[in-house]
C-alpha cells in the first residue's frame, strides 16, 4: 500500500531554516511528479514546489530563491529545504506524488510555524 510520511516540521524563528523530508513507500510504478504543498489556517492548499521525473522543478513565486526541492531516489525520499523563513510561511506542509496514470497520493502533513 502506498504511503508518504513527512517529517522535519517545527517551530523556527524568522530567518531560520528547516528541511522537510517525505519518505515514499509501497509504490511500484513510475512516479511522474513529486511535490510539496502547504495549507495555512483558513486558506486553500497551494503548491510550494514540484519536481518531475526529469528533474524539472517549479516553485511558487512566494518561495522562489528561498526553498529548494530535491530527491534521493535511493532512499525514496523527497526533500524541501527552506531558508529565510518568514511568518507567512507558517502552514501545514504536505507531500504529494502523482503518476501519469492518475495516481495521486498525499501525506499526512507536517506543521511549520515561523515565529519569534
PDB file of N, CA and C in Angstrom:
ATOM      1  N   UNK A   1       0.842  -1.172   0.000  1.00  0.00           N
ATOM      2  CA  UNK A   1       0.000   0.000   0.000  1.00  0.00           C
ATOM      3  C   UNK A   1       0.889   1.237   0.000  1.00  0.00           C
ATOM      4  N   UNK A   2       0.553   2.198  -0.864  1.00  0.00           N
ATOM      5  CA  UNK A   2       1.350   3.409  -0.975  1.00  0.00           C
ATOM      6  C   UNK A   2       1.273   4.231   0.303  1.00  0.00           C
ATOM      7  N   UNK A   3       2.414   4.784   0.689  1.00  0.00           N
ATOM      8  CA  UNK A   3       2.454   5.570   1.917  1.00  0.00           C
ATOM      9  C   UNK A   3       3.488   6.677   1.778  1.00  0.00           C
ATOM     10  N   UNK A   4       3.112   7.867   2.257  1.00  0.00           N
ATOM     11  CA  UNK A   4       4.019   9.010   2.290  1.00  0.00           C
ATOM     12  C   UNK A   4       4.093   9.488   3.739  1.00  0.00           C
ATOM     13  N   UNK A   5       5.290   9.608   4.272  1.00  0.00           N
ATOM     14  CA  UNK A   5       5.467  10.035   5.653  1.00  0.00           C
ATOM     15  C   UNK A   5       6.378  11.252   5.687  1.00  0.00           C
ATOM     16  N   UNK A   6       5.797  12.382   6.083  1.00  0.00           N
ATOM     17  CA  UNK A   6       6.560  13.625   6.189  1.00  0.00           C
ATOM     18  C   UNK A   6       7.158  13.771   7.583  1.00  0.00           C
ATOM     19  N   UNK A   7       8.257  14.496   7.648  1.00  0.00           N
ATOM     20  CA  UNK A   7       8.868  14.851   8.919  1.00  0.00           C
ATOM     21  C   UNK A   7       9.691  16.113   8.727  1.00  0.00           C
ATOM     22  N   UNK A   8      10.123  16.682   9.855  1.00  0.00           N
ATOM     23  CA  UNK A   8      11.018  17.829   9.787  1.00  0.00           C
ATOM     24  C   UNK A   8      10.395  19.157  10.131  1.00  0.00           C
ATOM     25  N   UNK A   9       9.087  19.182  10.334  1.00  0.00           N
ATOM     26  CA  UNK A   9       8.447  20.434  10.693  1.00  0.00           C
ATOM     27  C   UNK A   9       8.780  20.839  12.115  1.00  0.00           C
ATOM     28  N   UNK A  10       8.397  22.063  12.465  1.00  0.00           N
ATOM     29  CA  UNK A  10       8.651  22.533  13.817  1.00  0.00           C
ATOM     30  C   UNK A  10       8.516  24.030  13.914  1.00  0.00           C
ATOM     31  N   UNK A  11       8.955  24.547  15.049  1.00  0.00           N
ATOM     32  CA  UNK A  11       8.931  25.985  15.325  1.00  0.00           C
ATOM     33  C   UNK A  11      10.306  26.562  15.018  1.00  0.00           C
ATOM     34  N   UNK A  12      10.325  27.627  14.238  1.00  0.00           N
ATOM     35  CA  UNK A  12      11.597  28.237  13.847  1.00  0.00           C
ATOM     36  C   UNK A  12      11.425  29.751  13.832  1.00  0.00           C
ATOM     37  N   UNK A  13      12.434  30.512  14.244  1.00  0.00           N
ATOM     38  CA  UNK A  13      12.302  31.978  14.222  1.00  0.00           C
ATOM     39  C   UNK A  13      12.398  32.517  12.797  1.00  0.00           C
ATOM     40  N   UNK A  14      11.878  33.703  12.577  1.00  0.00           N
ATOM     41  CA  UNK A  14      12.014  34.322  11.248  1.00  0.00           C
ATOM     42  C   UNK A  14      13.474  34.379  10.822  1.00  0.00           C
ATOM     43  N   UNK A  15      13.724  34.051   9.572  1.00  0.00           N
ATOM     44  CA  UNK A  15      15.083  33.997   9.055  1.00  0.00           C
ATOM     45  C   UNK A  15      15.737  32.637   9.200  1.00  0.00           C
ATOM     46  N   UNK A  16      15.091  31.749   9.917  1.00  0.00           N
ATOM     47  CA  UNK A  16      15.652  30.423  10.137  1.00  0.00           C
ATOM     48  C   UNK A  16      15.443  29.473   8.970  1.00  0.00           C
ATOM     49  N   UNK A  17      15.899  28.243   9.175  1.00  0.00           N
ATOM     50  CA  UNK A  17      15.845  27.229   8.123  1.00  0.00           C
ATOM     51  C   UNK A  17      15.294  25.921   8.667  1.00  0.00           C
ATOM     52  N   UNK A  18      14.675  25.174   7.783  1.00  0.00           N
ATOM     53  CA  UNK A  18      14.196  23.821   8.088  1.00  0.00           C
ATOM     54  C   UNK A  18      14.310  22.988   6.831  1.00  0.00           C
ATOM     55  N   UNK A  19      14.473  21.690   7.021  1.00  0.00           N
ATOM     56  CA  UNK A  19      14.410  20.767   5.896  1.00  0.00           C
ATOM     57  C   UNK A  19      13.328  19.734   6.173  1.00  0.00           C
ATOM     58  N   UNK A  20      12.349  19.683   5.296  1.00  0.00           N
ATOM     59  CA  UNK A  20      11.285  18.693   5.384  1.00  0.00           C
ATOM     60  C   UNK A  20      11.667  17.469   4.564  1.00  0.00           C
ATOM     61  N   UNK A  21      11.264  16.304   5.058  1.00  0.00           N
ATOM     62  CA  UNK A  21      11.521  15.049   4.347  1.00  0.00           C
ATOM     63  C   UNK A  21      10.211  14.313   4.130  1.00  0.00           C
ATOM     64  N   UNK A  22      10.132  13.595   3.038  1.00  0.00           N
ATOM     65  CA  UNK A  22       8.960  12.773   2.737  1.00  0.00           C
ATOM     66  C   UNK A  22       9.465  11.429   2.229  1.00  0.00           C
ATOM     67  N   UNK A  23       9.252  10.407   3.038  1.00  0.00           N
ATOM     68  CA  UNK A  23       9.663   9.064   2.644  1.00  0.00           C
ATOM     69  C   UNK A  23       8.491   8.374   1.958  1.00  0.00           C
ATOM     70  N   UNK A  24       8.757   7.872   0.769  1.00  0.00           N
ATOM     71  CA  UNK A  24       7.720   7.254  -0.067  1.00  0.00           C
ATOM     72  C   UNK A  24       7.922   5.745  -0.078  1.00  0.00           C
ATOM     73  N   UNK A  25       6.850   5.002   0.159  1.00  0.00           N
ATOM     74  CA  UNK A  25       6.954   3.552   0.141  1.00  0.00           C
ATOM     75  C   UNK A  25       5.704   2.940  -0.481  1.00  0.00           C
ATOM     76  N   UNK A  26       5.851   1.687  -0.925  1.00  0.00           N
ATOM     77  CA  UNK A  26       4.694   0.958  -1.434  1.00  0.00           C
ATOM     78  C   UNK A  26       4.252   1.322  -2.832  1.00  0.00           C
ATOM     79  N   UNK A  27       5.085   2.061  -3.570  1.00  0.00           N
ATOM     80  CA  UNK A  27       4.735   2.434  -4.948  1.00  0.00           C
ATOM     81  C   UNK A  27       5.654   1.687  -5.899  1.00  0.00           C
ATOM     82  N   UNK A  28       5.062   0.899  -6.781  1.00  0.00           N
ATOM     83  CA  UNK A  28       5.854   0.031  -7.645  1.00  0.00           C
ATOM     84  C   UNK A  28       5.786   0.439  -9.106  1.00  0.00           C
ATOM     85  N   UNK A  29       5.235   1.592  -9.377  1.00  0.00           N
ATOM     86  CA  UNK A  29       5.126   2.073 -10.759  1.00  0.00           C
ATOM     87  C   UNK A  29       5.772   3.451 -10.839  1.00  0.00           C
ATOM     88  N   UNK A  30       6.072   3.934 -12.032  1.00  0.00           N
ATOM     89  CA  UNK A  30       6.776   5.215 -12.161  1.00  0.00           C
ATOM     90  C   UNK A  30       5.957   6.391 -11.621  1.00  0.00           C
ATOM     91  N   UNK A  31       6.635   7.257 -10.912  1.00  0.00           N
ATOM     92  CA  UNK A  31       6.046   8.496 -10.419  1.00  0.00           C
ATOM     93  C   UNK A  31       6.451   9.618 -11.369  1.00  0.00           C
ATOM     94  N   UNK A  32       5.486  10.401 -11.818  1.00  0.00           N
ATOM     95  CA  UNK A  32       5.802  11.460 -12.768  1.00  0.00           C
ATOM     96  C   UNK A  32       6.166  12.773 -12.072  1.00  0.00           C
ATOM     97  N   UNK A  33       5.531  13.038 -10.936  1.00  0.00           N
ATOM     98  CA  UNK A  33       5.776  14.302 -10.247  1.00  0.00           C
ATOM     99  C   UNK A  33       5.696  14.110  -8.745  1.00  0.00           C
ATOM    100  N   UNK A  34       6.636  14.721  -8.033  1.00  0.00           N
ATOM    101  CA  UNK A  34       6.596  14.789  -6.571  1.00  0.00           C
ATOM    102  C   UNK A  34       6.558  16.262  -6.192  1.00  0.00           C
ATOM    103  N   UNK A  35       5.904  16.549  -5.088  1.00  0.00           N
ATOM    104  CA  UNK A  35       5.809  17.951  -4.747  1.00  0.00           C
ATOM    105  C   UNK A  35       5.486  18.193  -3.290  1.00  0.00           C
ATOM    106  N   UNK A  36       5.640  19.442  -2.923  1.00  0.00           N
ATOM    107  CA  UNK A  36       5.260  19.930  -1.600  1.00  0.00           C
ATOM    108  C   UNK A  36       4.199  21.010  -1.775  1.00  0.00           C
ATOM    109  N   UNK A  37       3.191  20.904  -0.943  1.00  0.00           N
ATOM    110  CA  UNK A  37       2.114  21.878  -0.921  1.00  0.00           C
ATOM    111  C   UNK A  37       1.956  22.350   0.527  1.00  0.00           C
ATOM    112  N   UNK A  38       1.290  23.472   0.714  1.00  0.00           N
ATOM    113  CA  UNK A  38       1.057  23.936   2.081  1.00  0.00           C
ATOM    114  C   UNK A  38      -0.335  24.518   2.201  1.00  0.00           C
ATOM    115  N   UNK A  39      -0.821  24.442   3.424  1.00  0.00           N
ATOM    116  CA  UNK A  39      -2.144  24.974   3.725  1.00  0.00           C
ATOM    117  C   UNK A  39      -2.082  25.716   5.050  1.00  0.00           C
ATOM    118  N   UNK A  40      -2.299  27.007   4.982  1.00  0.00           N
ATOM    119  CA  UNK A  40      -2.363  27.822   6.186  1.00  0.00           C
ATOM    120  C   UNK A  40      -3.794  27.792   6.729  1.00  0.00           C
ATOM    121  N   UNK A  41      -3.961  28.055   8.014  1.00  0.00           N
ATOM    122  CA  UNK A  41      -5.307  28.023   8.603  1.00  0.00           C
ATOM    123  C   UNK A  41      -6.278  28.932   7.854  1.00  0.00           C
ATOM    124  N   UNK A  42      -7.425  28.367   7.472  1.00  0.00           N
ATOM    125  CA  UNK A  42      -8.437  29.142   6.784  1.00  0.00           C
ATOM    126  C   UNK A  42      -8.177  29.396   5.326  1.00  0.00           C
ATOM    127  N   UNK A  43      -7.118  28.806   4.794  1.00  0.00           N
ATOM    128  CA  UNK A  43      -6.775  29.035   3.398  1.00  0.00           C
ATOM    129  C   UNK A  43      -6.746  27.721   2.627  1.00  0.00           C
ATOM    130  N   UNK A  44      -6.727  27.830   1.311  1.00  0.00           N
ATOM    131  CA  UNK A  44      -6.664  26.641   0.479  1.00  0.00           C
ATOM    132  C   UNK A  44      -5.246  26.093   0.409  1.00  0.00           C
ATOM    133  N   UNK A  45      -5.153  24.823   0.101  1.00  0.00           N
ATOM    134  CA  UNK A  45      -3.861  24.203  -0.097  1.00  0.00           C
ATOM    135  C   UNK A  45      -3.277  24.711  -1.423  1.00  0.00           C
ATOM    136  N   UNK A  46      -2.008  25.100  -1.385  1.00  0.00           N
ATOM    137  CA  UNK A  46      -1.365  25.646  -2.580  1.00  0.00           C
ATOM    138  C   UNK A  46      -0.019  24.971  -2.832  1.00  0.00           C
ATOM    139  N   UNK A  47       0.375  24.980  -4.071  1.00  0.00           N
ATOM    140  CA  UNK A  47       1.655  24.383  -4.453  1.00  0.00           C
ATOM    141  C   UNK A  47       2.801  25.229  -3.915  1.00  0.00           C
ATOM    142  N   UNK A  48       3.808  24.553  -3.391  1.00  0.00           N
ATOM    143  CA  UNK A  48       5.037  25.221  -2.952  1.00  0.00           C
ATOM    144  C   UNK A  48       6.164  24.927  -3.943  1.00  0.00           C
ATOM    145  N   UNK A  49       6.362  23.638  -4.215  1.00  0.00           N
ATOM    146  CA  UNK A  49       7.421  23.236  -5.136  1.00  0.00           C
ATOM    147  C   UNK A  49       7.126  21.850  -5.681  1.00  0.00           C
ATOM    148  N   UNK A  50       7.487  21.626  -6.934  1.00  0.00           N
ATOM    149  CA  UNK A  50       7.330  20.312  -7.535  1.00  0.00           C
ATOM    150  C   UNK A  50       8.590  19.945  -8.304  1.00  0.00           C
ATOM    151  N   UNK A  51       8.772  18.641  -8.478  1.00  0.00           N
ATOM    152  CA  UNK A  51       9.893  18.140  -9.260  1.00  0.00           C
ATOM    153  C   UNK A  51       9.404  16.959 -10.072  1.00  0.00           C
ATOM    154  N   UNK A  52       9.750  16.934 -11.341  1.00  0.00           N
ATOM    155  CA  UNK A  52       9.293  15.860 -12.210  1.00  0.00           C
ATOM    156  C   UNK A  52      10.330  14.740 -12.271  1.00  0.00           C
ATOM    157  N   UNK A  53       9.952  13.659 -12.926  1.00  0.00           N
ATOM    158  CA  UNK A  53      10.866  12.527 -13.111  1.00  0.00           C
ATOM    159  C   UNK A  53      12.071  12.941 -13.942  1.00  0.00           C
ATOM    160  N   UNK A  54      11.932  14.015 -14.695  1.00  0.00           N
ATOM    161  CA  UNK A  54      13.052  14.545 -15.478  1.00  0.00           C
ATOM    162  C   UNK A  54      13.832  15.599 -14.713  1.00  0.00           C
ATOM    163  N   UNK A  55      13.525  15.740 -13.422  1.00  0.00           N
ATOM    164  CA  UNK A  55      14.219  16.671 -12.526  1.00  0.00           C
ATOM    165  C   UNK A  55      13.940  18.135 -12.867  1.00  0.00           C
ATOM    166  N   UNK A  56      12.808  18.369 -13.491  1.00  0.00           N
ATOM    167  CA  UNK A  56      12.399  19.745 -13.746  1.00  0.00           C
ATOM    168  C   UNK A  56      11.659  20.248 -12.523  1.00  0.00           C
ATOM    169  N   UNK A  57      12.081  21.378 -12.009  1.00  0.00           N
ATOM    170  CA  UNK A  57      11.484  21.925 -10.792  1.00  0.00           C
ATOM    171  C   UNK A  57      10.625  23.143 -11.097  1.00  0.00           C
ATOM    172  N   UNK A  58       9.681  23.367 -10.197  1.00  0.00           N
ATOM    173  CA  UNK A  58       8.818  24.533 -10.293  1.00  0.00           C
ATOM    174  C   UNK A  58       8.557  25.018  -8.882  1.00  0.00           C
ATOM    175  N   UNK A  59       8.536  26.326  -8.710  1.00  0.00           N
ATOM    176  CA  UNK A  59       8.348  26.896  -7.374  1.00  0.00           C
ATOM    177  C   UNK A  59       7.271  27.971  -7.406  1.00  0.00           C
ATOM    178  N   UNK A  60       6.578  28.074  -6.296  1.00  0.00           N
ATOM    179  CA  UNK A  60       5.664  29.190  -6.124  1.00  0.00           C
ATOM    180  C   UNK A  60       6.487  30.480  -6.055  1.00  0.00           C
ATOM    181  N   UNK A  61       5.925  31.546  -6.553  1.00  0.00           N
ATOM    182  CA  UNK A  61       6.632  32.821  -6.555  1.00  0.00           C
ATOM    183  C   UNK A  61       7.054  33.218  -5.139  1.00  0.00           C
ATOM    184  N   UNK A  62       6.206  32.907  -4.177  1.00  0.00           N
ATOM    185  CA  UNK A  62       6.458  33.329  -2.795  1.00  0.00           C
ATOM    186  C   UNK A  62       7.682  32.666  -2.170  1.00  0.00           C
ATOM    187  N   UNK A  63       8.114  31.543  -2.724  1.00  0.00           N
ATOM    188  CA  UNK A  63       9.229  30.815  -2.107  1.00  0.00           C
ATOM    189  C   UNK A  63      10.447  30.725  -3.012  1.00  0.00           C
ATOM    190  N   UNK A  64      10.312  31.177  -4.235  1.00  0.00           N
ATOM    191  CA  UNK A  64      11.419  31.048  -5.192  1.00  0.00           C
ATOM    192  C   UNK A  64      12.661  31.770  -4.652  1.00  0.00           C
ATOM    193  N   UNK A  65      13.779  31.075  -4.723  1.00  0.00           N
ATOM    194  CA  UNK A  65      15.029  31.627  -4.223  1.00  0.00           C
ATOM    195  C   UNK A  65      15.285  31.327  -2.757  1.00  0.00           C
ATOM    196  N   UNK A  66      14.261  30.873  -2.037  1.00  0.00           N
ATOM    197  CA  UNK A  66      14.418  30.545  -0.617  1.00  0.00           C
ATOM    198  C   UNK A  66      14.270  29.049  -0.352  1.00  0.00           C
ATOM    199  N   UNK A  67      13.433  28.392  -1.122  1.00  0.00           N
ATOM    200  CA  UNK A  67      13.175  26.961  -0.920  1.00  0.00           C
ATOM    201  C   UNK A  67      13.783  26.161  -2.070  1.00  0.00           C
ATOM    202  N   UNK A  68      14.200  24.935  -1.756  1.00  0.00           N
ATOM    203  CA  UNK A  68      14.759  24.044  -2.765  1.00  0.00           C
ATOM    204  C   UNK A  68      14.170  22.650  -2.598  1.00  0.00           C
ATOM    205  N   UNK A  69      13.626  22.109  -3.672  1.00  0.00           N
ATOM    206  CA  UNK A  69      13.116  20.743  -3.657  1.00  0.00           C
ATOM    207  C   UNK A  69      14.159  19.823  -4.277  1.00  0.00           C
ATOM    208  N   UNK A  70      14.313  18.644  -3.678  1.00  0.00           N
ATOM    209  CA  UNK A  70      15.278  17.684  -4.194  1.00  0.00           C
ATOM    210  C   UNK A  70      14.813  16.275  -3.862  1.00  0.00           C
ATOM    211  N   UNK A  71      15.442  15.302  -4.491  1.00  0.00           N
ATOM    212  CA  UNK A  71      15.067  13.910  -4.252  1.00  0.00           C
ATOM    213  C   UNK A  71      16.308  13.059  -4.022  1.00  0.00           C
ATOM    214  N   UNK A  72      16.113  11.985  -3.311  1.00  0.00           N
ATOM    215  CA  UNK A  72      17.123  10.946  -3.144  1.00  0.00           C
ATOM    216  C   UNK A  72      16.433   9.660  -3.561  1.00  0.00           C
ATOM    217  N   UNK A  73      16.636   9.269  -4.803  1.00  0.00           N
ATOM    218  CA  UNK A  73      15.910   8.111  -5.327  1.00  0.00           C
ATOM    219  C   UNK A  73      16.282   6.828  -4.587  1.00  0.00           C
ATOM    220  N   UNK A  74      17.528   6.718  -4.184  1.00  0.00           N
ATOM    221  CA  UNK A  74      17.958   5.515  -3.462  1.00  0.00           C
ATOM    222  C   UNK A  74      17.216   5.373  -2.138  1.00  0.00           C
ATOM    223  N   UNK A  75      16.870   6.511  -1.539  1.00  0.00           N
ATOM    224  CA  UNK A  75      16.178   6.497  -0.250  1.00  0.00           C
ATOM    225  C   UNK A  75      14.677   6.717  -0.398  1.00  0.00           C
ATOM    226  N   UNK A  76      14.217   6.813  -1.654  1.00  0.00           N
ATOM    227  CA  UNK A  76      12.787   7.065  -1.913  1.00  0.00           C
ATOM    228  C   UNK A  76      12.275   8.246  -1.099  1.00  0.00           C
ATOM    229  N   UNK A  77      13.039   9.329  -1.128  1.00  0.00           N
ATOM    230  CA  UNK A  77      12.718  10.484  -0.296  1.00  0.00           C
ATOM    231  C   UNK A  77      12.762  11.758  -1.128  1.00  0.00           C
ATOM    232  N   UNK A  78      11.810  12.627  -0.855  1.00  0.00           N
ATOM    233  CA  UNK A  78      11.818  13.959  -1.452  1.00  0.00           C
ATOM    234  C   UNK A  78      11.954  14.971  -0.312  1.00  0.00           C
ATOM    235  N   UNK A  79      12.792  15.982  -0.541  1.00  0.00           N
ATOM    236  CA  UNK A  79      13.101  16.962   0.489  1.00  0.00           C
ATOM    237  C   UNK A  79      12.615  18.352   0.074  1.00  0.00           C
ATOM    238  N   UNK A  80      12.413  19.176   1.076  1.00  0.00           N
ATOM    239  CA  UNK A  80      12.165  20.592   0.845  1.00  0.00           C
ATOM    240  C   UNK A  80      13.056  21.357   1.813  1.00  0.00           C
ATOM    241  N   UNK A  81      14.088  21.971   1.280  1.00  0.00           N
ATOM    242  CA  UNK A  81      14.972  22.796   2.087  1.00  0.00           C
ATOM    243  C   UNK A  81      14.414  24.209   2.081  1.00  0.00           C
ATOM    244  N   UNK A  82      14.132  24.722   3.281  1.00  0.00           N
ATOM    245  CA  UNK A  82      13.522  26.032   3.420  1.00  0.00           C
ATOM    246  C   UNK A  82      14.471  26.942   4.172  1.00  0.00           C
ATOM    247  N   UNK A  83      14.837  28.057   3.570  1.00  0.00           N
ATOM    248  CA  UNK A  83      15.705  29.031   4.209  1.00  0.00           C
ATOM    249  C   UNK A  83      15.024  30.399   4.196  1.00  0.00           C
ATOM    250  N   UNK A  84      15.538  31.297   5.002  1.00  0.00           N
ATOM    251  CA  UNK A  84      14.953  32.635   5.058  1.00  0.00           C
ATOM    252  C   UNK A  84      13.473  32.602   5.371  1.00  0.00           C
ATOM    253  N   UNK A  85      13.103  31.757   6.319  1.00  0.00           N
ATOM    254  CA  UNK A  85      11.683  31.573   6.613  1.00  0.00           C
ATOM    255  C   UNK A  85      11.042  32.845   7.135  1.00  0.00           C
ATOM    256  N   UNK A  86       9.800  33.035   6.735  1.00  0.00           N
ATOM    257  CA  UNK A  86       9.020  34.211   7.121  1.00  0.00           C
ATOM    258  C   UNK A  86       7.755  33.761   7.856  1.00  0.00           C
ATOM    259  N   UNK A  87       7.190  34.619   8.674  1.00  0.00           N
ATOM    260  CA  UNK A  87       5.941  34.234   9.360  1.00  0.00           C
ATOM    261  C   UNK A  87       4.857  33.757   8.394  1.00  0.00           C
ATOM    262  N   UNK A  88       4.823  34.311   7.197  1.00  0.00           N
ATOM    263  CA  UNK A  88       3.803  33.896   6.228  1.00  0.00           C
ATOM    264  C   UNK A  88       4.050  32.510   5.641  1.00  0.00           C
ATOM    265  N   UNK A  89       5.177  31.901   5.981  1.00  0.00           N
ATOM    266  CA  UNK A  89       5.434  30.517   5.580  1.00  0.00           C
ATOM    267  C   UNK A  89       4.792  29.529   6.552  1.00  0.00           C
ATOM    268  N   UNK A  90       4.238  30.035   7.642  1.00  0.00           N
ATOM    269  CA  UNK A  90       3.576  29.179   8.617  1.00  0.00           C
ATOM    270  C   UNK A  90       2.402  28.456   7.973  1.00  0.00           C
ATOM    271  N   UNK A  91       2.418  27.121   8.066  1.00  0.00           N
ATOM    272  CA  UNK A  91       1.388  26.304   7.429  1.00  0.00           C
ATOM    273  C   UNK A  91       1.649  24.841   7.735  1.00  0.00           C
ATOM    274  N   UNK A  92       0.696  24.003   7.359  1.00  0.00           N
ATOM    275  CA  UNK A  92       0.940  22.572   7.342  1.00  0.00           C
ATOM    276  C   UNK A  92       1.418  22.218   5.939  1.00  0.00           C
ATOM    277  N   UNK A  93       2.531  21.525   5.873  1.00  0.00           N
ATOM    278  CA  UNK A  93       3.150  21.188   4.601  1.00  0.00           C
ATOM    279  C   UNK A  93       2.864  19.719   4.270  1.00  0.00           C
ATOM    280  N   UNK A  94       2.414  19.495   3.038  1.00  0.00           N
ATOM    281  CA  UNK A  94       2.026  18.168   2.587  1.00  0.00           C
ATOM    282  C   UNK A  94       2.880  17.714   1.417  1.00  0.00           C
ATOM    283  N   UNK A  95       3.274  16.474   1.467  1.00  0.00           N
ATOM    284  CA  UNK A  95       3.977  15.834   0.363  1.00  0.00           C
ATOM    285  C   UNK A  95       2.944  15.214  -0.572  1.00  0.00           C
ATOM    286  N   UNK A  96       3.242  15.235  -1.863  1.00  0.00           N
ATOM    287  CA  UNK A  96       2.333  14.672  -2.861  1.00  0.00           C
ATOM    288  C   UNK A  96       3.111  13.960  -3.959  1.00  0.00           C
ATOM    289  N   UNK A  97       2.602  12.828  -4.398  1.00  0.00           N
ATOM    290  CA  UNK A  97       3.189  12.142  -5.550  1.00  0.00           C
ATOM    291  C   UNK A  97       2.068  11.816  -6.544  1.00  0.00           C
ATOM    292  N   UNK A  98       2.409  11.905  -7.827  1.00  0.00           N
ATOM    293  CA  UNK A  98       1.432  11.633  -8.883  1.00  0.00           C
ATOM    294  C   UNK A  98       2.076  10.818  -9.992  1.00  0.00           C
ATOM    295  N   UNK A  99       1.246  10.039 -10.664  1.00  0.00           N
ATOM    296  CA  UNK A  99       1.721   9.298 -11.829  1.00  0.00           C
ATOM    297  C   UNK A  99       0.931   9.734 -13.056  1.00  0.00           C
ATOM    298  N   UNK A 100       1.436   9.407 -14.198  1.00  0.00           N
ATOM    299  CA  UNK A 100       0.773   9.759 -15.456  1.00  0.00           C
ATOM    300  C   UNK A 100      -0.505   8.967 -15.659  1.00  0.00           C
ATOM    301  N   UNK A 101      -0.700   7.927 -14.838  1.00  0.00           N
ATOM    302  CA  UNK A 101      -1.903   7.100 -14.955  1.00  0.00           C
ATOM    303  C   UNK A 101      -3.003   7.550 -14.002  1.00  0.00           C
ATOM    304  N   UNK A 102      -2.798   8.664 -13.345  1.00  0.00           N
ATOM    305  CA  UNK A 102      -3.839   9.216 -12.497  1.00  0.00           C
ATOM    306  C   UNK A 102      -3.686   8.961 -11.011  1.00  0.00           C
ATOM    307  N   UNK A 103      -2.616   8.291 -10.611  1.00  0.00           N
ATOM    308  CA  UNK A 103      -2.373   8.065  -9.182  1.00  0.00           C
ATOM    309  C   UNK A 103      -2.039   9.393  -8.530  1.00  0.00           C
ATOM    310  N   UNK A 104      -2.620   9.633  -7.352  1.00  0.00           N
ATOM    311  CA  UNK A 104      -2.436  10.897  -6.662  1.00  0.00           C
ATOM    312  C   UNK A 104      -2.509  10.611  -5.163  1.00  0.00           C
ATOM    313  N   UNK A 105      -1.382  10.766  -4.480  1.00  0.00           N
ATOM    314  CA  UNK A 105      -1.315  10.392  -3.060  1.00  0.00           C
ATOM    315  C   UNK A 105      -0.761  11.537  -2.237  1.00  0.00           C
ATOM    316  N   UNK A 106      -1.357  11.759  -1.051  1.00  0.00           N
ATOM    317  CA  UNK A 106      -0.920  12.798  -0.124  1.00  0.00           C
ATOM    318  C   UNK A 106      -0.405  12.194   1.170  1.00  0.00           C
ATOM    319  N   UNK A 107       0.550  12.862   1.774  1.00  0.00           N
ATOM    320  CA  UNK A 107       0.970  12.503   3.095  1.00  0.00           C
ATOM    321  C   UNK A 107       0.063  13.140   4.129  1.00  0.00           C
ATOM    322  N   UNK A 108       0.386  12.914   5.405  1.00  0.00           N
ATOM    323  CA  UNK A 108      -0.467  13.389   6.485  1.00  0.00           C
ATOM    324  C   UNK A 108      -0.174  14.829   6.873  1.00  0.00           C
ATOM    325  N   UNK A 109       0.943  15.357   6.413  1.00  0.00           N
ATOM    326  CA  UNK A 109       1.298  16.743   6.690  1.00  0.00           C
ATOM    327  C   UNK A 109       2.230  16.898   7.872  1.00  0.00           C
ATOM    328  N   UNK A 110       3.022  17.965   7.821  1.00  0.00           N
ATOM    329  CA  UNK A 110       3.900  18.315   8.930  1.00  0.00           C
ATOM    330  C   UNK A 110       3.807  19.832   9.121  1.00  0.00           C
ATOM    331  N   UNK A 111       3.684  20.245  10.358  1.00  0.00           N
ATOM    332  CA  UNK A 111       3.414  21.648  10.642  1.00  0.00           C
ATOM    333  C   UNK A 111       4.707  22.454  10.760  1.00  0.00           C
ATOM    334  N   UNK A 112       4.697  23.610  10.125  1.00  0.00           N
ATOM    335  CA  UNK A 112       5.804  24.553  10.223  1.00  0.00           C
ATOM    336  C   UNK A 112       5.258  25.856  10.797  1.00  0.00           C
ATOM    337  N   UNK A 113       5.887  26.314  11.872  1.00  0.00           N
ATOM    338  CA  UNK A 113       5.493  27.577  12.495  1.00  0.00           C
ATOM    339  C   UNK A 113       6.706  28.486  12.527  1.00  0.00           C
ATOM    340  N   UNK A 114       6.571  29.642  11.927  1.00  0.00           N
ATOM    341  CA  UNK A 114       7.654  30.619  11.891  1.00  0.00           C
ATOM    342  C   UNK A 114       7.250  31.773  12.794  1.00  0.00           C
ATOM    343  N   UNK A 115       7.926  31.856  13.927  1.00  0.00           N
ATOM    344  CA  UNK A 115       7.554  32.858  14.919  1.00  0.00           C
ATOM    345  C   UNK A 115       8.714  33.102  15.855  1.00  0.00           C
ATOM    346  N   UNK A 116       8.809  34.340  16.331  1.00  0.00           N
ATOM    347  CA  UNK A 116       9.822  34.660  17.312  1.00  0.00           C
ATOM    348  C   UNK A 116       9.283  34.480  18.722  1.00  0.00           C
TER     349      UNK A 116
END
